[in-house]
Structures are given as C-alpha cells and as structure tokens.
Amino acid sequence: MGVTEAAQVPQQRGEQLLDAAVRYAEERHWDVFPGTWLEAVEGRELCSCGEAACPLPGAHADRPGWAGQATGSGAAARRMWSKQPRASVLLPTGRTFDALDVPESAGFLALARMERMDLTLGPVTCTPDRRMLFFVLPGAAAKASELVRTLGWNAEAIDLVGRGEGHYLAAPPTRVGGRGAVQWARKPTHANRWLPDVDELISPLAYACAREAADARARVS
C-alpha cells in the first residue's frame, strides 16, 4: 500500500506550525515562509507587527521581501520555524499553484456541484474570514477574469479573485487573531497531488459566486 492519507495530511488540531511547514515543503513541494505571529499583550492577542488594528493579526508577511525568503526545503523550513515557532505558515501563490479565492457560501455550493460532476479537485482551504481558496495550476490568476467574462459575468462583481504571482495565502493550522484557524475544506492527499487547471473549475465556481451575489443583492433591496 502507498503512502497513507494520514501520513500526507497535517493534523489541524494541536499540530505545531513547524511540523506543518516542513510537511508542506517535503511532501507537497510547496514553497513556505514564516509570517507574523500572535503575542499576548495585557490579556489580548495582538499581531507581532505591532499594529493594534491589524486586519490579519498573526497571519501576514512580516517583511516586504517575503518572496525571496520562501523555501521549498524542509530543512530550511525547520530552521526558520525553530527561530520563531509561533510564526504563521504562509504559501506564495504563482509558483507551484495559484488559488481561486471565493466567498465561503459560494465555495461550498460549488464544491458540492463539482463533486456531483466528479471533477478532479485539488486542496481547498477555508479561512476564518469566510473565504475559500481552491488550489489550481499556476497561471490561473492571469486567466480567471477573462474566463469569467466569457461566461457572462464580471469577476470583481461576483467576488471571484485569482491569486497568483506576488500573492500568498495562510495555510492550516495558522490562526487569524481570535477569529479561528485556517482549515482544510479538502485536505492535501496523495490522490490530489496533481492540480486541476482553472478551465476545469471556473464554470461551477463562477456560477456559485454569481448566484450568491444575486442573493446578497436581493436581501438588501
């Protein structure tokens, strides 16, 4: 029997951030880099960046040159997180994968439809800010808006965002302030090592985003 799913997938509860970072680098060949972390200050958890009103406390890059810090080496990841074990685990997009970033409600709707269609899916994260990010092959971010337009919608209007070169995302088990942790809606496994192309997922995702956007407009009218 091959590598088990349990061996491939970091546990979401009680797992050390260091272990997660090393596994992503060694098992998935994803680049990783450490971001900010949460610090206890007078009974509150604040971001290590020092901004009291930080929009992503403990879950963003801590320096402008983060792209050059990212590594695909498990040994290098171990060294970096050994220096700051509480650092968030961040993954740059535009390298081994891009991500399609959609509202959580639309993401779950699309996910159910994709599974019924028996589409090949990659890993999918769910954030405390109620967003879902679908991992796809690199190059998706550059094509997403045009693909959505050919389907008859505007990507910005339906809140479908492509994340590629120059962007990054927070990976499980990173926590975002007191809002909770980033989790896997679909875990990385041996079966989904090969990522889908954006063309395969864009239609159900755009449909779900457009439906949710229409529902949101109806609620406020």
C-alpha atoms as a PDB file:
ATOM      1  CA  MET A   1       0.000   0.000   0.000  1.00  0.00           C
ATOM      2  CA  GLY A   2       1.240   3.502  -0.791  1.00  0.00           C
ATOM      3  CA  VAL A   3       1.593   6.495   1.486  1.00  0.00           C
ATOM      4  CA  THR A   4      -1.499   6.788   3.623  1.00  0.00           C
ATOM      5  CA  GLU A   5      -3.657   9.874   3.729  1.00  0.00           C
ATOM      6  CA  ALA A   6      -2.886  10.273   7.427  1.00  0.00           C
ATOM      7  CA  ALA A   7       0.824  10.467   6.667  1.00  0.00           C
ATOM      8  CA  GLN A   8       0.271  13.043   3.954  1.00  0.00           C
ATOM      9  CA  VAL A   9      -2.035  15.437   5.768  1.00  0.00           C
ATOM     10  CA  PRO A  10      -1.061  17.685   8.662  1.00  0.00           C
ATOM     11  CA  GLN A  11      -3.416  17.366  11.630  1.00  0.00           C
ATOM     12  CA  GLN A  12      -5.385  20.550  12.137  1.00  0.00           C
ATOM     13  CA  ARG A  13      -5.671  20.380  15.927  1.00  0.00           C
ATOM     14  CA  GLY A  14      -2.690  20.718  18.229  1.00  0.00           C
ATOM     15  CA  GLU A  15      -0.155  20.452  15.459  1.00  0.00           C
ATOM     16  CA  GLN A  16       2.981  22.524  15.638  1.00  0.00           C
ATOM     17  CA  LEU A  17       3.307  25.143  12.928  1.00  0.00           C
ATOM     18  CA  LEU A  18       6.870  23.970  12.339  1.00  0.00           C
ATOM     19  CA  ASP A  19       5.699  20.427  11.539  1.00  0.00           C
ATOM     20  CA  ALA A  20       3.104  21.745   9.096  1.00  0.00           C
ATOM     21  CA  ALA A  21       5.621  23.952   7.289  1.00  0.00           C
ATOM     22  CA  VAL A  22       8.098  21.086   6.932  1.00  0.00           C
ATOM     23  CA  ARG A  23       5.431  18.710   5.615  1.00  0.00           C
ATOM     24  CA  TYR A  24       4.191  21.192   3.033  1.00  0.00           C
ATOM     25  CA  ALA A  25       7.750  21.637   1.750  1.00  0.00           C
ATOM     26  CA  GLU A  26       8.749  17.964   1.837  1.00  0.00           C
ATOM     27  CA  GLU A  27       5.504  16.193   0.883  1.00  0.00           C
ATOM     28  CA  ARG A  28       3.835  18.711  -1.442  1.00  0.00           C
ATOM     29  CA  HIS A  29       6.937  20.551  -2.691  1.00  0.00           C
ATOM     30  CA  TRP A  30       5.246  23.847  -1.836  1.00  0.00           C
ATOM     31  CA  ASP A  31       7.359  26.877  -1.007  1.00  0.00           C
ATOM     32  CA  VAL A  32       6.726  28.150   2.523  1.00  0.00           C
ATOM     33  CA  PHE A  33       7.763  31.185   4.536  1.00  0.00           C
ATOM     34  CA  PRO A  34       7.094  32.341   8.108  1.00  0.00           C
ATOM     35  CA  GLY A  35       4.869  35.337   8.697  1.00  0.00           C
ATOM     36  CA  THR A  36       3.762  37.278  11.751  1.00  0.00           C
ATOM     37  CA  TRP A  37       2.519  35.625  14.932  1.00  0.00           C
ATOM     38  CA  LEU A  38       0.221  36.360  17.862  1.00  0.00           C
ATOM     39  CA  GLU A  39       1.552  37.823  21.087  1.00  0.00           C
ATOM     40  CA  ALA A  40      -0.261  38.104  24.425  1.00  0.00           C
ATOM     41  CA  VAL A  41      -0.339  41.772  25.498  1.00  0.00           C
ATOM     42  CA  GLU A  42      -2.304  42.754  28.599  1.00  0.00           C
ATOM     43  CA  GLY A  43      -4.685  39.850  28.231  1.00  0.00           C
ATOM     44  CA  ARG A  44      -5.204  40.380  24.469  1.00  0.00           C
ATOM     45  CA  GLU A  45      -3.715  38.589  21.483  1.00  0.00           C
ATOM     46  CA  LEU A  46      -2.086  41.134  19.201  1.00  0.00           C
ATOM     47  CA  CYS A  47      -0.168  40.758  15.960  1.00  0.00           C
ATOM     48  CA  SER A  48       3.616  40.778  16.204  1.00  0.00           C
ATOM     49  CA  CYS A  49       3.652  43.563  13.568  1.00  0.00           C
ATOM     50  CA  GLY A  50       2.626  45.996  16.324  1.00  0.00           C
ATOM     51  CA  GLU A  51      -0.460  47.380  14.557  1.00  0.00           C
ATOM     52  CA  ALA A  52      -3.340  47.473  17.037  1.00  0.00           C
ATOM     53  CA  ALA A  53      -5.858  47.392  14.189  1.00  0.00           C
ATOM     54  CA  CYS A  54      -4.016  44.787  12.066  1.00  0.00           C
ATOM     55  CA  PRO A  55      -6.545  43.326   9.578  1.00  0.00           C
ATOM     56  CA  LEU A  56      -4.867  39.883   9.584  1.00  0.00           C
ATOM     57  CA  PRO A  57      -3.375  39.501  13.070  1.00  0.00           C
ATOM     58  CA  GLY A  58      -0.756  36.785  13.140  1.00  0.00           C
ATOM     59  CA  ALA A  59      -1.310  35.761   9.532  1.00  0.00           C
ATOM     60  CA  HIS A  60       0.548  38.049   7.130  1.00  0.00           C
ATOM     61  CA  ALA A  61       4.052  38.590   5.786  1.00  0.00           C
ATOM     62  CA  ASP A  62       6.339  40.375   8.218  1.00  0.00           C
ATOM     63  CA  ARG A  63       8.639  41.988   5.648  1.00  0.00           C
ATOM     64  CA  PRO A  64       8.469  43.448   2.122  1.00  0.00           C
ATOM     65  CA  GLY A  65      10.992  40.912   0.786  1.00  0.00           C
ATOM     66  CA  TRP A  66       8.951  37.860   1.769  1.00  0.00           C
ATOM     67  CA  ALA A  67       9.091  36.359  -1.736  1.00  0.00           C
ATOM     68  CA  GLY A  68      12.852  35.878  -1.511  1.00  0.00           C
ATOM     69  CA  GLN A  69      12.522  34.219   1.886  1.00  0.00           C
ATOM     70  CA  ALA A  70      10.195  31.436   0.690  1.00  0.00           C
ATOM     71  CA  THR A  71      11.768  27.989   0.517  1.00  0.00           C
ATOM     72  CA  GLY A  72      10.835  24.552  -0.741  1.00  0.00           C
ATOM     73  CA  SER A  73      13.406  22.904   1.534  1.00  0.00           C
ATOM     74  CA  GLY A  74      12.124  21.053   4.569  1.00  0.00           C
ATOM     75  CA  ALA A  75      15.449  21.574   6.339  1.00  0.00           C
ATOM     76  CA  ALA A  76      15.358  25.332   5.700  1.00  0.00           C
ATOM     77  CA  ALA A  77      11.741  25.492   6.867  1.00  0.00           C
ATOM     78  CA  ARG A  78      12.698  23.685  10.068  1.00  0.00           C
ATOM     79  CA  ARG A  79      15.465  26.227  10.719  1.00  0.00           C
ATOM     80  CA  MET A  80      13.163  29.205  10.130  1.00  0.00           C
ATOM     81  CA  TRP A  81      10.345  27.984  12.376  1.00  0.00           C
ATOM     82  CA  SER A  82      12.795  26.844  15.039  1.00  0.00           C
ATOM     83  CA  LYS A  83      13.757  30.519  15.403  1.00  0.00           C
ATOM     84  CA  GLN A  84      10.095  31.568  15.802  1.00  0.00           C
ATOM     85  CA  PRO A  85       7.822  28.554  16.413  1.00  0.00           C
ATOM     86  CA  ARG A  86       4.675  30.715  16.598  1.00  0.00           C
ATOM     87  CA  ALA A  87       5.116  32.211  13.115  1.00  0.00           C
ATOM     88  CA  SER A  88       2.221  31.737  10.720  1.00  0.00           C
ATOM     89  CA  VAL A  89       2.690  29.354   7.782  1.00  0.00           C
ATOM     90  CA  LEU A  90       2.360  31.269   4.518  1.00  0.00           C
ATOM     91  CA  LEU A  91       2.435  29.837   0.983  1.00  0.00           C
ATOM     92  CA  PRO A  92       3.317  32.019  -2.031  1.00  0.00           C
ATOM     93  CA  THR A  93       0.969  31.619  -4.980  1.00  0.00           C
ATOM     94  CA  GLY A  94       2.139  31.751  -8.590  1.00  0.00           C
ATOM     95  CA  ARG A  95       4.822  29.091  -8.125  1.00  0.00           C
ATOM     96  CA  THR A  96       3.600  25.505  -7.734  1.00  0.00           C
ATOM     97  CA  PHE A  97      -0.036  26.609  -7.608  1.00  0.00           C
ATOM     98  CA  ASP A  98      -2.419  29.553  -7.972  1.00  0.00           C
ATOM     99  CA  ALA A  99      -5.628  29.904  -5.960  1.00  0.00           C
ATOM    100  CA  LEU A 100      -9.185  30.903  -6.791  1.00  0.00           C
ATOM    101  CA  ASP A 101     -10.486  32.910  -3.832  1.00  0.00           C
ATOM    102  CA  VAL A 102     -14.280  32.992  -3.376  1.00  0.00           C
ATOM    103  CA  PRO A 103     -16.838  33.657  -0.604  1.00  0.00           C
ATOM    104  CA  GLU A 104     -17.304  30.644   1.664  1.00  0.00           C
ATOM    105  CA  SER A 105     -21.019  30.255   0.878  1.00  0.00           C
ATOM    106  CA  ALA A 106     -20.300  30.155  -2.860  1.00  0.00           C
ATOM    107  CA  GLY A 107     -17.333  27.861  -2.311  1.00  0.00           C
ATOM    108  CA  PHE A 108     -19.339  25.186  -0.526  1.00  0.00           C
ATOM    109  CA  LEU A 109     -22.089  25.434  -3.155  1.00  0.00           C
ATOM    110  CA  ALA A 110     -19.501  24.998  -5.939  1.00  0.00           C
ATOM    111  CA  LEU A 111     -17.745  22.197  -4.064  1.00  0.00           C
ATOM    112  CA  ALA A 112     -20.932  20.151  -3.829  1.00  0.00           C
ATOM    113  CA  ARG A 113     -21.614  20.686  -7.531  1.00  0.00           C
ATOM    114  CA  MET A 114     -18.051  19.763  -8.530  1.00  0.00           C
ATOM    115  CA  GLU A 115     -18.242  16.545  -6.542  1.00  0.00           C
ATOM    116  CA  ARG A 116     -21.514  15.627  -8.275  1.00  0.00           C
ATOM    117  CA  MET A 117     -19.799  16.332 -11.611  1.00  0.00           C
ATOM    118  CA  ASP A 118     -16.903  14.098 -10.495  1.00  0.00           C
ATOM    119  CA  LEU A 119     -14.370  16.834 -11.257  1.00  0.00           C
ATOM    120  CA  THR A 120     -10.756  16.441 -10.205  1.00  0.00           C
ATOM    121  CA  LEU A 121     -10.175  18.802  -7.314  1.00  0.00           C
ATOM    122  CA  GLY A 122      -7.040  19.990  -5.576  1.00  0.00           C
ATOM    123  CA  PRO A 123      -6.763  21.066  -1.942  1.00  0.00           C
ATOM    124  CA  VAL A 124      -9.186  23.745  -0.715  1.00  0.00           C
ATOM    125  CA  THR A 125      -8.755  25.959   2.350  1.00  0.00           C
ATOM    126  CA  CYS A 126     -11.426  27.646   4.413  1.00  0.00           C
ATOM    127  CA  THR A 127     -10.447  30.834   6.290  1.00  0.00           C
ATOM    128  CA  PRO A 128     -11.881  32.400   9.445  1.00  0.00           C
ATOM    129  CA  ASP A 129     -12.856  35.379   7.271  1.00  0.00           C
ATOM    130  CA  ARG A 130     -15.343  33.113   5.480  1.00  0.00           C
ATOM    131  CA  ARG A 131     -13.378  32.713   2.260  1.00  0.00           C
ATOM    132  CA  MET A 132     -12.484  29.521   0.392  1.00  0.00           C
ATOM    133  CA  LEU A 133      -9.389  29.110  -1.743  1.00  0.00           C
ATOM    134  CA  PHE A 134      -9.238  26.424  -4.434  1.00  0.00           C
ATOM    135  CA  PHE A 135      -5.718  25.338  -5.416  1.00  0.00           C
ATOM    136  CA  VAL A 136      -5.213  25.140  -9.192  1.00  0.00           C
ATOM    137  CA  LEU A 137      -2.308  25.025 -11.622  1.00  0.00           C
ATOM    138  CA  PRO A 138      -0.143  28.160 -11.919  1.00  0.00           C
ATOM    139  CA  GLY A 139      -1.321  30.712 -14.469  1.00  0.00           C
ATOM    140  CA  ALA A 140      -4.931  30.687 -13.275  1.00  0.00           C
ATOM    141  CA  ALA A 141      -4.862  34.183 -11.817  1.00  0.00           C
ATOM    142  CA  ALA A 142      -3.903  35.715 -15.163  1.00  0.00           C
ATOM    143  CA  LYS A 143      -6.772  33.964 -16.963  1.00  0.00           C
ATOM    144  CA  ALA A 144      -9.564  33.972 -14.375  1.00  0.00           C
ATOM    145  CA  SER A 145     -11.165  37.354 -15.117  1.00  0.00           C
ATOM    146  CA  GLU A 146     -11.315  36.725 -18.867  1.00  0.00           C
ATOM    147  CA  LEU A 147     -12.719  33.220 -18.370  1.00  0.00           C
ATOM    148  CA  VAL A 148     -15.430  34.610 -16.090  1.00  0.00           C
ATOM    149  CA  ARG A 149     -16.207  37.315 -18.663  1.00  0.00           C
ATOM    150  CA  THR A 150     -16.704  34.728 -21.412  1.00  0.00           C
ATOM    151  CA  LEU A 151     -19.250  33.034 -19.130  1.00  0.00           C
ATOM    152  CA  GLY A 152     -21.205  36.285 -18.953  1.00  0.00           C
ATOM    153  CA  TRP A 153     -20.144  37.700 -15.583  1.00  0.00           C
ATOM    154  CA  ASN A 154     -17.682  40.197 -14.131  1.00  0.00           C
ATOM    155  CA  ALA A 155     -15.199  38.560 -11.756  1.00  0.00           C
ATOM    156  CA  GLU A 156     -14.993  41.579  -9.465  1.00  0.00           C
ATOM    157  CA  ALA A 157     -18.778  41.947  -9.289  1.00  0.00           C
ATOM    158  CA  ILE A 158     -19.256  38.306  -8.278  1.00  0.00           C
ATOM    159  CA  ASP A 159     -16.268  38.397  -5.874  1.00  0.00           C
ATOM    160  CA  LEU A 160     -14.124  35.748  -7.591  1.00  0.00           C
ATOM    161  CA  VAL A 161     -10.436  36.570  -7.175  1.00  0.00           C
ATOM    162  CA  GLY A 162      -7.431  34.863  -8.739  1.00  0.00           C
ATOM    163  CA  ARG A 163      -4.301  34.774  -6.583  1.00  0.00           C
ATOM    164  CA  GLY A 164      -1.055  34.236  -8.464  1.00  0.00           C
ATOM    165  CA  GLU A 165       2.428  35.700  -8.617  1.00  0.00           C
ATOM    166  CA  GLY A 166       3.074  38.313  -5.949  1.00  0.00           C
ATOM    167  CA  HIS A 167       0.406  36.963  -3.588  1.00  0.00           C
ATOM    168  CA  TYR A 168       0.369  34.412  -0.794  1.00  0.00           C
ATOM    169  CA  LEU A 169      -2.128  32.628   1.413  1.00  0.00           C
ATOM    170  CA  ALA A 170      -2.163  31.436   5.001  1.00  0.00           C
ATOM    171  CA  ALA A 171      -2.099  27.659   5.403  1.00  0.00           C
ATOM    172  CA  PRO A 172      -3.540  25.459   8.172  1.00  0.00           C
ATOM    173  CA  PRO A 173      -3.098  25.479  11.129  1.00  0.00           C
ATOM    174  CA  THR A 174      -2.370  29.242  11.078  1.00  0.00           C
ATOM    175  CA  ARG A 175      -4.678  31.238  13.353  1.00  0.00           C
ATOM    176  CA  VAL A 176      -6.002  34.676  12.398  1.00  0.00           C
ATOM    177  CA  GLY A 177      -6.275  36.583  15.661  1.00  0.00           C
ATOM    178  CA  GLY A 178      -9.206  35.460  17.765  1.00  0.00           C
ATOM    179  CA  ARG A 179     -11.264  34.570  14.688  1.00  0.00           C
ATOM    180  CA  GLY A 180     -10.051  30.986  14.462  1.00  0.00           C
ATOM    181  CA  ALA A 181      -7.699  28.928  12.327  1.00  0.00           C
ATOM    182  CA  VAL A 182      -7.395  28.368   8.606  1.00  0.00           C
ATOM    183  CA  GLN A 183      -8.651  24.828   7.919  1.00  0.00           C
ATOM    184  CA  TRP A 184      -8.799  22.381   5.043  1.00  0.00           C
ATOM    185  CA  ALA A 185     -12.186  22.036   3.342  1.00  0.00           C
ATOM    186  CA  ARG A 186     -10.426  19.425   1.179  1.00  0.00           C
ATOM    187  CA  LYS A 187      -7.150  18.184   2.616  1.00  0.00           C
ATOM    188  CA  PRO A 188      -3.993  17.670   0.555  1.00  0.00           C
ATOM    189  CA  THR A 189      -3.692  13.942  -0.089  1.00  0.00           C
ATOM    190  CA  HIS A 190      -1.771  11.619  -2.367  1.00  0.00           C
ATOM    191  CA  ALA A 191      -4.858  11.491  -4.612  1.00  0.00           C
ATOM    192  CA  ASN A 192      -4.985  15.247  -5.265  1.00  0.00           C
ATOM    193  CA  ARG A 193      -1.271  15.829  -5.772  1.00  0.00           C
ATOM    194  CA  TRP A 194      -2.000  16.723  -9.423  1.00  0.00           C
ATOM    195  CA  LEU A 195      -3.879  20.014  -9.504  1.00  0.00           C
ATOM    196  CA  PRO A 196      -6.715  20.886 -11.885  1.00  0.00           C
ATOM    197  CA  ASP A 197      -6.476  23.658 -14.457  1.00  0.00           C
ATOM    198  CA  VAL A 198      -8.541  26.799 -13.924  1.00  0.00           C
ATOM    199  CA  ASP A 199     -10.620  25.974 -17.032  1.00  0.00           C
ATOM    200  CA  GLU A 200     -11.983  22.877 -15.289  1.00  0.00           C
ATOM    201  CA  LEU A 201     -13.279  24.693 -12.197  1.00  0.00           C
ATOM    202  CA  ILE A 202     -14.134  28.190 -13.371  1.00  0.00           C
ATOM    203  CA  SER A 203     -17.682  27.452 -14.580  1.00  0.00           C
ATOM    204  CA  PRO A 204     -19.090  25.945 -11.348  1.00  0.00           C
ATOM    205  CA  LEU A 205     -17.206  28.499  -9.248  1.00  0.00           C
ATOM    206  CA  ALA A 206     -18.413  31.476 -11.294  1.00  0.00           C
ATOM    207  CA  TYR A 207     -21.986  30.148 -11.286  1.00  0.00           C
ATOM    208  CA  ALA A 208     -21.950  29.751  -7.498  1.00  0.00           C
ATOM    209  CA  CYS A 209     -20.401  33.199  -6.959  1.00  0.00           C
ATOM    210  CA  ALA A 210     -22.937  34.833  -9.291  1.00  0.00           C
ATOM    211  CA  ARG A 211     -25.819  33.098  -7.521  1.00  0.00           C
ATOM    212  CA  GLU A 212     -24.577  34.177  -4.093  1.00  0.00           C
ATOM    213  CA  ALA A 213     -24.010  37.756  -5.314  1.00  0.00           C
ATOM    214  CA  ALA A 214     -27.574  37.873  -6.694  1.00  0.00           C
ATOM    215  CA  ASP A 215     -28.962  36.514  -3.422  1.00  0.00           C
ATOM    216  CA  ALA A 216     -26.990  39.153  -1.460  1.00  0.00           C
ATOM    217  CA  ARG A 217     -28.398  41.951  -3.652  1.00  0.00           C
ATOM    218  CA  ALA A 218     -31.916  40.593  -3.169  1.00  0.00           C
ATOM    219  CA  ARG A 219     -31.502  40.618   0.612  1.00  0.00           C
ATOM    220  CA  VAL A 220     -30.615  44.320   0.699  1.00  0.00           C
ATOM    221  CA  SER A 221     -33.180  45.500  -1.836  1.00  0.00           C
END
